[in-house]
PDB file of N, CA and C in Angstrom:
ATOM      1  N   MET A   1       0.261  -4.393 -15.034  1.00  0.00           N
ATOM      2  CA  MET A   1       1.057  -5.452 -14.433  1.00  0.00           C
ATOM      3  C   MET A   1       0.684  -6.763 -15.129  1.00  0.00           C
ATOM      4  N   GLU A   2       1.673  -7.370 -15.755  1.00  0.00           N
ATOM      5  CA  GLU A   2       1.444  -8.678 -16.372  1.00  0.00           C
ATOM      6  C   GLU A   2       1.342  -9.709 -15.270  1.00  0.00           C
ATOM      7  N   LYS A   3       0.265 -10.459 -15.263  1.00  0.00           N
ATOM      8  CA  LYS A   3       0.063 -11.451 -14.214  1.00  0.00           C
ATOM      9  C   LYS A   3       0.324 -12.838 -14.760  1.00  0.00           C
ATOM     10  N   ARG A   4       1.232 -13.534 -14.116  1.00  0.00           N
ATOM     11  CA  ARG A   4       1.533 -14.909 -14.491  1.00  0.00           C
ATOM     12  C   ARG A   4       0.967 -15.783 -13.393  1.00  0.00           C
ATOM     13  N   GLY A   5       1.756 -16.738 -12.908  1.00  0.00           N
ATOM     14  CA  GLY A   5       1.303 -17.538 -11.783  1.00  0.00           C
ATOM     15  C   GLY A   5       1.297 -16.702 -10.518  1.00  0.00           C
ATOM     16  N   ARG A   6       0.196 -16.748  -9.795  1.00  0.00           N
ATOM     17  CA  ARG A   6       0.056 -15.960  -8.566  1.00  0.00           C
ATOM     18  C   ARG A   6       0.375 -16.854  -7.375  1.00  0.00           C
ATOM     19  N   TYR A   7       1.238 -16.339  -6.477  1.00  0.00           N
ATOM     20  CA  TYR A   7       1.645 -17.091  -5.297  1.00  0.00           C
ATOM     21  C   TYR A   7       1.535 -16.201  -4.061  1.00  0.00           C
ATOM     22  N   SER A   8       0.759 -16.629  -3.081  1.00  0.00           N
ATOM     23  CA  SER A   8       0.705 -15.921  -1.801  1.00  0.00           C
ATOM     24  C   SER A   8       1.973 -16.250  -1.032  1.00  0.00           C
ATOM     25  N   VAL A   9       2.648 -15.197  -0.533  1.00  0.00           N
ATOM     26  CA  VAL A   9       3.933 -15.430   0.118  1.00  0.00           C
ATOM     27  C   VAL A   9       3.960 -15.070   1.601  1.00  0.00           C
ATOM     28  N   CYS A  10       3.075 -14.176   2.046  1.00  0.00           N
ATOM     29  CA  CYS A  10       3.033 -13.833   3.470  1.00  0.00           C
ATOM     30  C   CYS A  10       1.837 -12.928   3.734  1.00  0.00           C
ATOM     31  N   ALA A  11       1.549 -12.742   5.002  1.00  0.00           N
ATOM     32  CA  ALA A  11       0.515 -11.783   5.391  1.00  0.00           C
ATOM     33  C   ALA A  11       1.119 -10.383   5.311  1.00  0.00           C
ATOM     34  N   ALA A  12       0.331  -9.422   4.888  1.00  0.00           N
ATOM     35  CA  ALA A  12       0.816  -8.048   4.734  1.00  0.00           C
ATOM     36  C   ALA A  12       1.370  -7.482   6.041  1.00  0.00           C
ATOM     37  N   HIS A  13       0.795  -7.859   7.166  1.00  0.00           N
ATOM     38  CA  HIS A  13       1.261  -7.322   8.452  1.00  0.00           C
ATOM     39  C   HIS A  13       2.661  -7.808   8.816  1.00  0.00           C
ATOM     40  N   GLU A  14       3.169  -8.834   8.131  1.00  0.00           N
ATOM     41  CA  GLU A  14       4.522  -9.337   8.385  1.00  0.00           C
ATOM     42  C   GLU A  14       5.601  -8.445   7.783  1.00  0.00           C
ATOM     43  N   LEU A  15       5.227  -7.556   6.873  1.00  0.00           N
ATOM     44  CA  LEU A  15       6.207  -6.694   6.219  1.00  0.00           C
ATOM     45  C   LEU A  15       6.429  -5.428   7.020  1.00  0.00           C
ATOM     46  N   THR A  16       7.689  -5.107   7.219  1.00  0.00           N
ATOM     47  CA  THR A  16       8.077  -3.921   7.967  1.00  0.00           C
ATOM     48  C   THR A  16       8.867  -3.006   7.039  1.00  0.00           C
ATOM     49  N   PRO A  17       8.491  -1.738   6.921  1.00  0.00           N
ATOM     50  CA  PRO A  17       9.293  -0.838   6.096  1.00  0.00           C
ATOM     51  C   PRO A  17      10.756  -0.859   6.558  1.00  0.00           C
ATOM     52  N   GLY A  18      11.659  -0.873   5.597  1.00  0.00           N
ATOM     53  CA  GLY A  18      13.080  -0.884   5.928  1.00  0.00           C
ATOM     54  C   GLY A  18      13.664  -2.257   6.159  1.00  0.00           C
ATOM     55  N   ARG A  19      12.864  -3.299   5.989  1.00  0.00           N
ATOM     56  CA  ARG A  19      13.347  -4.685   6.129  1.00  0.00           C
ATOM     57  C   ARG A  19      12.785  -5.516   4.993  1.00  0.00           C
ATOM     58  N   LEU A  20      13.639  -6.341   4.411  1.00  0.00           N
ATOM     59  CA  LEU A  20      13.197  -7.250   3.360  1.00  0.00           C
ATOM     60  C   LEU A  20      12.870  -8.603   3.963  1.00  0.00           C
ATOM     61  N   LYS A  21      11.757  -9.158   3.536  1.00  0.00           N
ATOM     62  CA  LYS A  21      11.394 -10.522   3.911  1.00  0.00           C
ATOM     63  C   LYS A  21      11.742 -11.396   2.717  1.00  0.00           C
ATOM     64  N   LEU A  22      12.575 -12.407   2.945  1.00  0.00           N
ATOM     65  CA  LEU A  22      12.948 -13.321   1.869  1.00  0.00           C
ATOM     66  C   LEU A  22      11.951 -14.469   1.789  1.00  0.00           C
ATOM     67  N   VAL A  23      11.475 -14.723   0.579  1.00  0.00           N
ATOM     68  CA  VAL A  23      10.570 -15.834   0.325  1.00  0.00           C
ATOM     69  C   VAL A  23      11.103 -16.588  -0.892  1.00  0.00           C
ATOM     70  N   GLU A  24      10.703 -17.846  -1.027  1.00  0.00           N
ATOM     71  CA  GLU A  24      11.098 -18.627  -2.189  1.00  0.00           C
ATOM     72  C   GLU A  24       9.855 -19.159  -2.877  1.00  0.00           C
ATOM     73  N   VAL A  25       9.784 -18.954  -4.182  1.00  0.00           N
ATOM     74  CA  VAL A  25       8.668 -19.420  -4.984  1.00  0.00           C
ATOM     75  C   VAL A  25       9.240 -20.164  -6.191  1.00  0.00           C
ATOM     76  N   ASN A  26       8.922 -21.434  -6.297  1.00  0.00           N
ATOM     77  CA  ASN A  26       9.394 -22.251  -7.422  1.00  0.00           C
ATOM     78  C   ASN A  26      10.902 -22.139  -7.622  1.00  0.00           C
ATOM     79  N   GLY A  27      11.645 -22.131  -6.534  1.00  0.00           N
ATOM     80  CA  GLY A  27      13.104 -22.064  -6.616  1.00  0.00           C
ATOM     81  C   GLY A  27      13.661 -20.678  -6.842  1.00  0.00           C
ATOM     82  N   VAL A  28      12.815 -19.660  -6.884  1.00  0.00           N
ATOM     83  CA  VAL A  28      13.246 -18.280  -7.081  1.00  0.00           C
ATOM     84  C   VAL A  28      13.167 -17.564  -5.741  1.00  0.00           C
ATOM     85  N   GLU A  29      14.308 -17.039  -5.269  1.00  0.00           N
ATOM     86  CA  GLU A  29      14.324 -16.296  -4.012  1.00  0.00           C
ATOM     87  C   GLU A  29      13.974 -14.838  -4.303  1.00  0.00           C
ATOM     88  N   ILE A  30      13.048 -14.299  -3.507  1.00  0.00           N
ATOM     89  CA  ILE A  30      12.501 -12.954  -3.716  1.00  0.00           C
ATOM     90  C   ILE A  30      12.533 -12.199  -2.396  1.00  0.00           C
ATOM     91  N   GLY A  31      12.899 -10.931  -2.453  1.00  0.00           N
ATOM     92  CA  GLY A  31      12.823 -10.041  -1.297  1.00  0.00           C
ATOM     93  C   GLY A  31      11.586  -9.175  -1.425  1.00  0.00           C
ATOM     94  N   VAL A  32      10.774  -9.138  -0.377  1.00  0.00           N
ATOM     95  CA  VAL A  32       9.517  -8.379  -0.379  1.00  0.00           C
ATOM     96  C   VAL A  32       9.562  -7.389   0.768  1.00  0.00           C
ATOM     97  N   THR A  33       9.087  -6.162   0.532  1.00  0.00           N
ATOM     98  CA  THR A  33       9.053  -5.155   1.590  1.00  0.00           C
ATOM     99  C   THR A  33       7.979  -4.119   1.302  1.00  0.00           C
ATOM    100  N   ARG A  34       7.758  -3.264   2.285  1.00  0.00           N
ATOM    101  CA  ARG A  34       6.867  -2.113   2.125  1.00  0.00           C
ATOM    102  C   ARG A  34       7.720  -0.879   1.868  1.00  0.00           C
ATOM    103  N   VAL A  35       7.269  -0.053   0.944  1.00  0.00           N
ATOM    104  CA  VAL A  35       7.863   1.260   0.708  1.00  0.00           C
ATOM    105  C   VAL A  35       6.692   2.222   0.708  1.00  0.00           C
ATOM    106  N   GLY A  36       6.555   2.953   1.785  1.00  0.00           N
ATOM    107  CA  GLY A  36       5.373   3.797   1.942  1.00  0.00           C
ATOM    108  C   GLY A  36       4.150   2.913   2.063  1.00  0.00           C
ATOM    109  N   ASP A  37       3.155   3.159   1.232  1.00  0.00           N
ATOM    110  CA  ASP A  37       1.932   2.352   1.275  1.00  0.00           C
ATOM    111  C   ASP A  37       1.923   1.263   0.197  1.00  0.00           C
ATOM    112  N   ARG A  38       3.062   1.071  -0.477  1.00  0.00           N
ATOM    113  CA  ARG A  38       3.160   0.051  -1.529  1.00  0.00           C
ATOM    114  C   ARG A  38       3.957  -1.152  -1.042  1.00  0.00           C
ATOM    115  N   VAL A  39       3.728  -2.274  -1.705  1.00  0.00           N
ATOM    116  CA  VAL A  39       4.544  -3.474  -1.498  1.00  0.00           C
ATOM    117  C   VAL A  39       5.360  -3.655  -2.767  1.00  0.00           C
ATOM    118  N   VAL A  40       6.679  -3.864  -2.592  1.00  0.00           N
ATOM    119  CA  VAL A  40       7.555  -4.106  -3.737  1.00  0.00           C
ATOM    120  C   VAL A  40       8.273  -5.427  -3.533  1.00  0.00           C
ATOM    121  N   ALA A  41       8.660  -6.054  -4.655  1.00  0.00           N
ATOM    122  CA  ALA A  41       9.365  -7.330  -4.585  1.00  0.00           C
ATOM    123  C   ALA A  41      10.436  -7.357  -5.671  1.00  0.00           C
ATOM    124  N   TYR A  42      11.589  -7.935  -5.308  1.00  0.00           N
ATOM    125  CA  TYR A  42      12.717  -8.022  -6.232  1.00  0.00           C
ATOM    126  C   TYR A  42      13.337  -9.409  -6.158  1.00  0.00           C
ATOM    127  N   ARG A  43      13.851  -9.888  -7.297  1.00  0.00           N
ATOM    128  CA  ARG A  43      14.623 -11.133  -7.292  1.00  0.00           C
ATOM    129  C   ARG A  43      15.878 -10.900  -6.482  1.00  0.00           C
ATOM    130  N   ASN A  44      16.308 -11.921  -5.785  1.00  0.00           N
ATOM    131  CA  ASN A  44      17.468 -11.809  -4.895  1.00  0.00           C
ATOM    132  C   ASN A  44      18.772 -12.002  -5.671  1.00  0.00           C
ATOM    133  N   VAL A  45      18.956 -11.197  -6.716  1.00  0.00           N
ATOM    134  CA  VAL A  45      20.156 -11.279  -7.551  1.00  0.00           C
ATOM    135  C   VAL A  45      20.603  -9.858  -7.896  1.00  0.00           C
ATOM    136  N   CYS A  46      21.815  -9.499  -7.492  1.00  0.00           N
ATOM    137  CA  CYS A  46      22.355  -8.189  -7.837  1.00  0.00           C
ATOM    138  C   CYS A  46      22.736  -8.179  -9.315  1.00  0.00           C
ATOM    139  N   PRO A  47      22.371  -7.128 -10.061  1.00  0.00           N
ATOM    140  CA  PRO A  47      22.715  -7.077 -11.478  1.00  0.00           C
ATOM    141  C   PRO A  47      24.214  -6.895 -11.724  1.00  0.00           C
ATOM    142  N   HIS A  48      24.962  -6.563 -10.698  1.00  0.00           N
ATOM    143  CA  HIS A  48      26.399  -6.352 -10.849  1.00  0.00           C
ATOM    144  C   HIS A  48      27.139  -7.671 -11.029  1.00  0.00           C
ATOM    145  N   GLN A  49      27.095  -8.550 -10.012  1.00  0.00           N
ATOM    146  CA  GLN A  49      27.801  -9.825 -10.102  1.00  0.00           C
ATOM    147  C   GLN A  49      27.030 -10.978  -9.475  1.00  0.00           C
ATOM    148  N   GLY A  50      25.719 -10.842  -9.398  1.00  0.00           N
ATOM    149  CA  GLY A  50      24.890 -11.960  -8.971  1.00  0.00           C
ATOM    150  C   GLY A  50      24.821 -12.207  -7.476  1.00  0.00           C
ATOM    151  N   ALA A  51      25.234 -11.260  -6.666  1.00  0.00           N
ATOM    152  CA  ALA A  51      25.175 -11.418  -5.211  1.00  0.00           C
ATOM    153  C   ALA A  51      23.736 -11.579  -4.741  1.00  0.00           C
ATOM    154  N   PRO A  52      23.549 -12.203  -3.566  1.00  0.00           N
ATOM    155  CA  PRO A  52      22.206 -12.278  -2.978  1.00  0.00           C
ATOM    156  C   PRO A  52      21.840 -10.917  -2.379  1.00  0.00           C
ATOM    157  N   VAL A  53      21.478  -9.991  -3.243  1.00  0.00           N
ATOM    158  CA  VAL A  53      21.319  -8.587  -2.883  1.00  0.00           C
ATOM    159  C   VAL A  53      20.296  -8.357  -1.766  1.00  0.00           C
ATOM    160  N   CYS A  54      19.241  -9.150  -1.723  1.00  0.00           N
ATOM    161  CA  CYS A  54      18.189  -8.950  -0.719  1.00  0.00           C
ATOM    162  C   CYS A  54      18.634  -9.359   0.681  1.00  0.00           C
ATOM    163  N   ARG A  55      19.825  -9.927   0.792  1.00  0.00           N
ATOM    164  CA  ARG A  55      20.394 -10.233   2.105  1.00  0.00           C
ATOM    165  C   ARG A  55      21.236  -9.074   2.637  1.00  0.00           C
ATOM    166  N   GLY A  56      21.353  -8.022   1.827  1.00  0.00           N
ATOM    167  CA  GLY A  56      22.089  -6.830   2.243  1.00  0.00           C
ATOM    168  C   GLY A  56      21.288  -6.006   3.236  1.00  0.00           C
ATOM    169  N   ARG A  57      21.930  -5.008   3.782  1.00  0.00           N
ATOM    170  CA  ARG A  57      21.244  -4.154   4.766  1.00  0.00           C
ATOM    171  C   ARG A  57      20.422  -3.087   4.073  1.00  0.00           C
ATOM    172  N   VAL A  58      19.378  -2.648   4.742  1.00  0.00           N
ATOM    173  CA  VAL A  58      18.568  -1.537   4.260  1.00  0.00           C
ATOM    174  C   VAL A  58      18.894  -0.356   5.162  1.00  0.00           C
ATOM    175  N   GLY A  59      19.250   0.748   4.545  1.00  0.00           N
ATOM    176  CA  GLY A  59      19.600   1.952   5.298  1.00  0.00           C
ATOM    177  C   GLY A  59      19.304   3.171   4.470  1.00  0.00           C
ATOM    178  N   GLY A  60      20.199   4.135   4.569  1.00  0.00           N
ATOM    179  CA  GLY A  60      20.071   5.373   3.807  1.00  0.00           C
ATOM    180  C   GLY A  60      21.319   5.580   2.972  1.00  0.00           C
ATOM    181  N   THR A  61      21.512   6.825   2.544  1.00  0.00           N
ATOM    182  CA  THR A  61      22.674   7.149   1.718  1.00  0.00           C
ATOM    183  C   THR A  61      22.958   8.640   1.819  1.00  0.00           C
ATOM    184  N   THR A  62      24.101   9.035   1.303  1.00  0.00           N
ATOM    185  CA  THR A  62      24.395  10.460   1.233  1.00  0.00           C
ATOM    186  C   THR A  62      23.600  11.060   0.074  1.00  0.00           C
ATOM    187  N   LEU A  63      23.155  12.276   0.278  1.00  0.00           N
ATOM    188  CA  LEU A  63      22.358  12.968  -0.722  1.00  0.00           C
ATOM    189  C   LEU A  63      23.184  14.068  -1.372  1.00  0.00           C
ATOM    190  N   PRO A  64      22.797  14.502  -2.572  1.00  0.00           N
ATOM    191  CA  PRO A  64      23.507  15.631  -3.183  1.00  0.00           C
ATOM    192  C   PRO A  64      23.492  16.827  -2.235  1.00  0.00           C
ATOM    193  N   SER A  65      24.636  17.473  -2.112  1.00  0.00           N
ATOM    194  CA  SER A  65      24.746  18.608  -1.186  1.00  0.00           C
ATOM    195  C   SER A  65      25.876  19.526  -1.642  1.00  0.00           C
ATOM    196  N   ALA A  66      25.978  20.637  -0.992  1.00  0.00           N
ATOM    197  CA  ALA A  66      27.002  21.625  -1.315  1.00  0.00           C
ATOM    198  C   ALA A  66      28.384  21.103  -0.917  1.00  0.00           C
ATOM    199  N   PRO A  67      29.441  21.590  -1.558  1.00  0.00           N
ATOM    200  CA  PRO A  67      30.796  21.183  -1.173  1.00  0.00           C
ATOM    201  C   PRO A  67      31.029  21.394   0.324  1.00  0.00           C
ATOM    202  N   GLY A  68      31.630  20.403   0.938  1.00  0.00           N
ATOM    203  CA  GLY A  68      31.918  20.489   2.368  1.00  0.00           C
ATOM    204  C   GLY A  68      30.762  20.070   3.260  1.00  0.00           C
ATOM    205  N   GLU A  69      29.596  19.814   2.700  1.00  0.00           N
ATOM    206  CA  GLU A  69      28.446  19.363   3.485  1.00  0.00           C
ATOM    207  C   GLU A  69      28.279  17.856   3.341  1.00  0.00           C
ATOM    208  N   TYR A  70      27.773  17.246   4.370  1.00  0.00           N
ATOM    209  CA  TYR A  70      27.498  15.812   4.375  1.00  0.00           C
ATOM    210  C   TYR A  70      26.041  15.648   4.781  1.00  0.00           C
ATOM    211  N   VAL A  71      25.192  15.373   3.808  1.00  0.00           N
ATOM    212  CA  VAL A  71      23.757  15.250   4.068  1.00  0.00           C
ATOM    213  C   VAL A  71      23.367  13.787   3.872  1.00  0.00           C
ATOM    214  N   TYR A  72      22.788  13.198   4.906  1.00  0.00           N
ATOM    215  CA  TYR A  72      22.376  11.801   4.881  1.00  0.00           C
ATOM    216  C   TYR A  72      20.852  11.745   4.815  1.00  0.00           C
ATOM    217  N   GLY A  73      20.298  10.831   4.011  1.00  0.00           N
ATOM    218  CA  GLY A  73      18.847  10.743   3.915  1.00  0.00           C
ATOM    219  C   GLY A  73      18.397   9.415   3.338  1.00  0.00           C
ATOM    220  N   LYS A  74      17.104   9.357   2.989  1.00  0.00           N
ATOM    221  CA  LYS A  74      16.460   8.149   2.442  1.00  0.00           C
ATOM    222  C   LYS A  74      16.601   6.950   3.385  1.00  0.00           C
ATOM    223  N   GLN A  75      16.645   7.215   4.677  1.00  0.00           N
ATOM    224  CA  GLN A  75      16.785   6.137   5.663  1.00  0.00           C
ATOM    225  C   GLN A  75      15.670   5.112   5.493  1.00  0.00           C
ATOM    226  N   GLY A  76      16.064   3.840   5.448  1.00  0.00           N
ATOM    227  CA  GLY A  76      15.103   2.758   5.300  1.00  0.00           C
ATOM    228  C   GLY A  76      14.608   2.561   3.887  1.00  0.00           C
ATOM    229  N   GLN A  77      15.200   3.271   2.923  1.00  0.00           N
ATOM    230  CA  GLN A  77      14.730   3.205   1.539  1.00  0.00           C
ATOM    231  C   GLN A  77      15.801   2.761   0.553  1.00  0.00           C
ATOM    232  N   VAL A  78      17.006   2.440   1.056  1.00  0.00           N
ATOM    233  CA  VAL A  78      18.115   2.080   0.169  1.00  0.00           C
ATOM    234  C   VAL A  78      18.648   0.702   0.559  1.00  0.00           C
ATOM    235  N   LEU A  79      18.687  -0.195  -0.416  1.00  0.00           N
ATOM    236  CA  LEU A  79      19.228  -1.536  -0.224  1.00  0.00           C
ATOM    237  C   LEU A  79      20.698  -1.523  -0.620  1.00  0.00           C
ATOM    238  N   HIS A  80      21.570  -1.986   0.283  1.00  0.00           N
ATOM    239  CA  HIS A  80      23.010  -2.026   0.054  1.00  0.00           C
ATOM    240  C   HIS A  80      23.417  -3.470  -0.227  1.00  0.00           C
ATOM    241  N   CYS A  81      23.972  -3.721  -1.412  1.00  0.00           N
ATOM    242  CA  CYS A  81      24.398  -5.071  -1.774  1.00  0.00           C
ATOM    243  C   CYS A  81      25.487  -5.545  -0.812  1.00  0.00           C
ATOM    244  N   PRO A  82      25.389  -6.771  -0.308  1.00  0.00           N
ATOM    245  CA  PRO A  82      26.361  -7.252   0.678  1.00  0.00           C
ATOM    246  C   PRO A  82      27.749  -7.541   0.096  1.00  0.00           C
ATOM    247  N   TRP A  83      27.889  -7.687  -1.195  1.00  0.00           N
ATOM    248  CA  TRP A  83      29.198  -8.011  -1.768  1.00  0.00           C
ATOM    249  C   TRP A  83      30.023  -6.774  -2.083  1.00  0.00           C
ATOM    250  N   HIS A  84      29.472  -5.825  -2.825  1.00  0.00           N
ATOM    251  CA  HIS A  84      30.271  -4.687  -3.283  1.00  0.00           C
ATOM    252  C   HIS A  84      29.673  -3.335  -2.913  1.00  0.00           C
ATOM    253  N   GLY A  85      28.602  -3.333  -2.138  1.00  0.00           N
ATOM    254  CA  GLY A  85      28.053  -2.082  -1.628  1.00  0.00           C
ATOM    255  C   GLY A  85      27.211  -1.282  -2.606  1.00  0.00           C
ATOM    256  N   TRP A  86      26.895  -1.846  -3.769  1.00  0.00           N
ATOM    257  CA  TRP A  86      26.011  -1.101  -4.670  1.00  0.00           C
ATOM    258  C   TRP A  86      24.737  -0.756  -3.922  1.00  0.00           C
ATOM    259  N   GLN A  87      24.183   0.425  -4.209  1.00  0.00           N
ATOM    260  CA  GLN A  87      22.988   0.901  -3.527  1.00  0.00           C
ATOM    261  C   GLN A  87      21.823   0.966  -4.507  1.00  0.00           C
ATOM    262  N   PHE A  88      20.660   0.491  -4.047  1.00  0.00           N
ATOM    263  CA  PHE A  88      19.459   0.466  -4.879  1.00  0.00           C
ATOM    264  C   PHE A  88      18.308   1.139  -4.136  1.00  0.00           C
ATOM    265  N   ASP A  89      17.575   1.990  -4.842  1.00  0.00           N
ATOM    266  CA  ASP A  89      16.383   2.632  -4.298  1.00  0.00           C
ATOM    267  C   ASP A  89      15.278   1.581  -4.238  1.00  0.00           C
ATOM    268  N   LEU A  90      14.780   1.289  -3.052  1.00  0.00           N
ATOM    269  CA  LEU A  90      13.756   0.250  -2.914  1.00  0.00           C
ATOM    270  C   LEU A  90      12.438   0.626  -3.593  1.00  0.00           C
ATOM    271  N   ALA A  91      12.168   1.907  -3.738  1.00  0.00           N
ATOM    272  CA  ALA A  91      10.910   2.318  -4.376  1.00  0.00           C
ATOM    273  C   ALA A  91      10.904   2.014  -5.867  1.00  0.00           C
ATOM    274  N   THR A  92      12.088   2.065  -6.516  1.00  0.00           N
ATOM    275  CA  THR A  92      12.155   1.916  -7.968  1.00  0.00           C
ATOM    276  C   THR A  92      12.990   0.721  -8.426  1.00  0.00           C
ATOM    277  N   GLY A  93      13.874   0.237  -7.568  1.00  0.00           N
ATOM    278  CA  GLY A  93      14.797  -0.828  -7.949  1.00  0.00           C
ATOM    279  C   GLY A  93      16.027  -0.316  -8.677  1.00  0.00           C
ATOM    280  N   MET A  94      16.097   0.980  -8.954  1.00  0.00           N
ATOM    281  CA  MET A  94      17.222   1.557  -9.694  1.00  0.00           C
ATOM    282  C   MET A  94      18.453   1.701  -8.802  1.00  0.00           C
ATOM    283  N   ALA A  95      19.627   1.404  -9.399  1.00  0.00           N
ATOM    284  CA  ALA A  95      20.883   1.652  -8.696  1.00  0.00           C
ATOM    285  C   ALA A  95      21.051   3.159  -8.571  1.00  0.00           C
ATOM    286  N   LEU A  96      21.644   3.596  -7.461  1.00  0.00           N
ATOM    287  CA  LEU A  96      21.798   5.034  -7.241  1.00  0.00           C
ATOM    288  C   LEU A  96      22.952   5.624  -8.043  1.00  0.00           C
ATOM    289  N   SER A  97      23.930   4.821  -8.429  1.00  0.00           N
ATOM    290  CA  SER A  97      25.090   5.393  -9.120  1.00  0.00           C
ATOM    291  C   SER A  97      25.437   4.670 -10.422  1.00  0.00           C
ATOM    292  N   HIS A  98      24.579   3.809 -10.891  1.00  0.00           N
ATOM    293  CA  HIS A  98      24.822   3.073 -12.122  1.00  0.00           C
ATOM    294  C   HIS A  98      23.514   2.965 -12.897  1.00  0.00           C
ATOM    295  N   ALA A  99      23.607   2.640 -14.165  1.00  0.00           N
ATOM    296  CA  ALA A  99      22.405   2.475 -14.987  1.00  0.00           C
ATOM    297  C   ALA A  99      21.948   1.022 -14.945  1.00  0.00           C
ATOM    298  N   GLN A 100      21.783   0.500 -13.755  1.00  0.00           N
ATOM    299  CA  GLN A 100      21.322  -0.870 -13.552  1.00  0.00           C
ATOM    300  C   GLN A 100      20.085  -0.825 -12.663  1.00  0.00           C
ATOM    301  N   ARG A 101      19.323  -1.895 -12.687  1.00  0.00           N
ATOM    302  CA  ARG A 101      18.160  -1.969 -11.798  1.00  0.00           C
ATOM    303  C   ARG A 101      17.972  -3.407 -11.348  1.00  0.00           C
ATOM    304  N   LEU A 102      17.332  -3.546 -10.207  1.00  0.00           N
ATOM    305  CA  LEU A 102      16.981  -4.873  -9.705  1.00  0.00           C
ATOM    306  C   LEU A 102      15.856  -5.453 -10.548  1.00  0.00           C
ATOM    307  N   ALA A 103      15.812  -6.765 -10.649  1.00  0.00           N
ATOM    308  CA  ALA A 103      14.733  -7.427 -11.378  1.00  0.00           C
ATOM    309  C   ALA A 103      13.472  -7.381 -10.527  1.00  0.00           C
ATOM    310  N   THR A 104      12.486  -6.649 -10.997  1.00  0.00           N
ATOM    311  CA  THR A 104      11.232  -6.470 -10.272  1.00  0.00           C
ATOM    312  C   THR A 104      10.339  -7.690 -10.431  1.00  0.00           C
ATOM    313  N   VAL A 105       9.664  -8.040  -9.349  1.00  0.00           N
ATOM    314  CA  VAL A 105       8.663  -9.102  -9.369  1.00  0.00           C
ATOM    315  C   VAL A 105       7.324  -8.430  -9.052  1.00  0.00           C
ATOM    316  N   PRO A 106       6.338  -8.515  -9.932  1.00  0.00           N
ATOM    317  CA  PRO A 106       5.044  -7.905  -9.635  1.00  0.00           C
ATOM    318  C   PRO A 106       4.481  -8.450  -8.317  1.00  0.00           C
ATOM    319  N   ALA A 107       3.979  -7.541  -7.487  1.00  0.00           N
ATOM    320  CA  ALA A 107       3.435  -7.915  -6.174  1.00  0.00           C
ATOM    321  C   ALA A 107       2.218  -7.059  -5.868  1.00  0.00           C
ATOM    322  N   GLU A 108       1.324  -7.607  -5.050  1.00  0.00           N
ATOM    323  CA  GLU A 108       0.142  -6.859  -4.618  1.00  0.00           C
ATOM    324  C   GLU A 108      -0.352  -7.413  -3.293  1.00  0.00           C
ATOM    325  N   VAL A 109      -1.165  -6.603  -2.643  1.00  0.00           N
ATOM    326  CA  VAL A 109      -1.823  -7.035  -1.410  1.00  0.00           C
ATOM    327  C   VAL A 109      -3.306  -7.173  -1.710  1.00  0.00           C
ATOM    328  N   ASP A 110      -3.853  -8.332  -1.346  1.00  0.00           N
ATOM    329  CA  ASP A 110      -5.269  -8.581  -1.551  1.00  0.00           C
ATOM    330  C   ASP A 110      -5.797  -9.319  -0.326  1.00  0.00           C
ATOM    331  N   GLU A 111      -6.786  -8.710   0.326  1.00  0.00           N
ATOM    332  CA  GLU A 111      -7.391  -9.297   1.524  1.00  0.00           C
ATOM    333  C   GLU A 111      -6.348  -9.637   2.580  1.00  0.00           C
ATOM    334  N   GLY A 112      -5.369  -8.749   2.740  1.00  0.00           N
ATOM    335  CA  GLY A 112      -4.361  -8.916   3.793  1.00  0.00           C
ATOM    336  C   GLY A 112      -3.223  -9.842   3.469  1.00  0.00           C
ATOM    337  N   MET A 113      -3.206 -10.416   2.278  1.00  0.00           N
ATOM    338  CA  MET A 113      -2.128 -11.331   1.872  1.00  0.00           C
ATOM    339  C   MET A 113      -1.312 -10.712   0.750  1.00  0.00           C
ATOM    340  N   VAL A 114       0.009 -10.902   0.831  1.00  0.00           N
ATOM    341  CA  VAL A 114       0.903 -10.436  -0.225  1.00  0.00           C
ATOM    342  C   VAL A 114       1.061 -11.568  -1.233  1.00  0.00           C
ATOM    343  N   SER A 115       0.859 -11.233  -2.493  1.00  0.00           N
ATOM    344  CA  SER A 115       1.040 -12.202  -3.576  1.00  0.00           C
ATOM    345  C   SER A 115       2.063 -11.659  -4.555  1.00  0.00           C
ATOM    346  N   VAL A 116       2.841 -12.567  -5.139  1.00  0.00           N
ATOM    347  CA  VAL A 116       3.779 -12.229  -6.204  1.00  0.00           C
ATOM    348  C   VAL A 116       3.373 -13.015  -7.439  1.00  0.00           C
ATOM    349  N   TYR A 117       3.800 -12.506  -8.579  1.00  0.00           N
ATOM    350  CA  TYR A 117       3.480 -13.129  -9.868  1.00  0.00           C
ATOM    351  C   TYR A 117       4.779 -13.483 -10.572  1.00  0.00           C
ATOM    352  N   ILE A 118       5.008 -14.784 -10.755  1.00  0.00           N
ATOM    353  CA  ILE A 118       6.201 -15.208 -11.504  1.00  0.00           C
ATOM    354  C   ILE A 118       5.823 -16.293 -12.491  1.00  0.00           C
TER     355      ILE A 118
END
């Protein structure tokens, strides 16, 4: 992880899996959340058309399944862009149906505080 300027943005206990906490650092809006035992952070810009993606809902999505079946999963792990509905895996930042990804912001937890590096 390349470390640039380190900024503490919140206490780790403030993060809830399945919800993004929006923070601003030096004019850059960032969404921070927990995915499993990790903390991830993304710039609040959709790679599609620049929407404030971190203001979208976090939910699940349909999973690959047999014809005629409807299987829903990944609840709390998929970010849905509020403008056009693009879906992003919160664990990786990758779009589920396109070769695009969210801009990742390095983040870590140290002594109970979440820090980002920008």
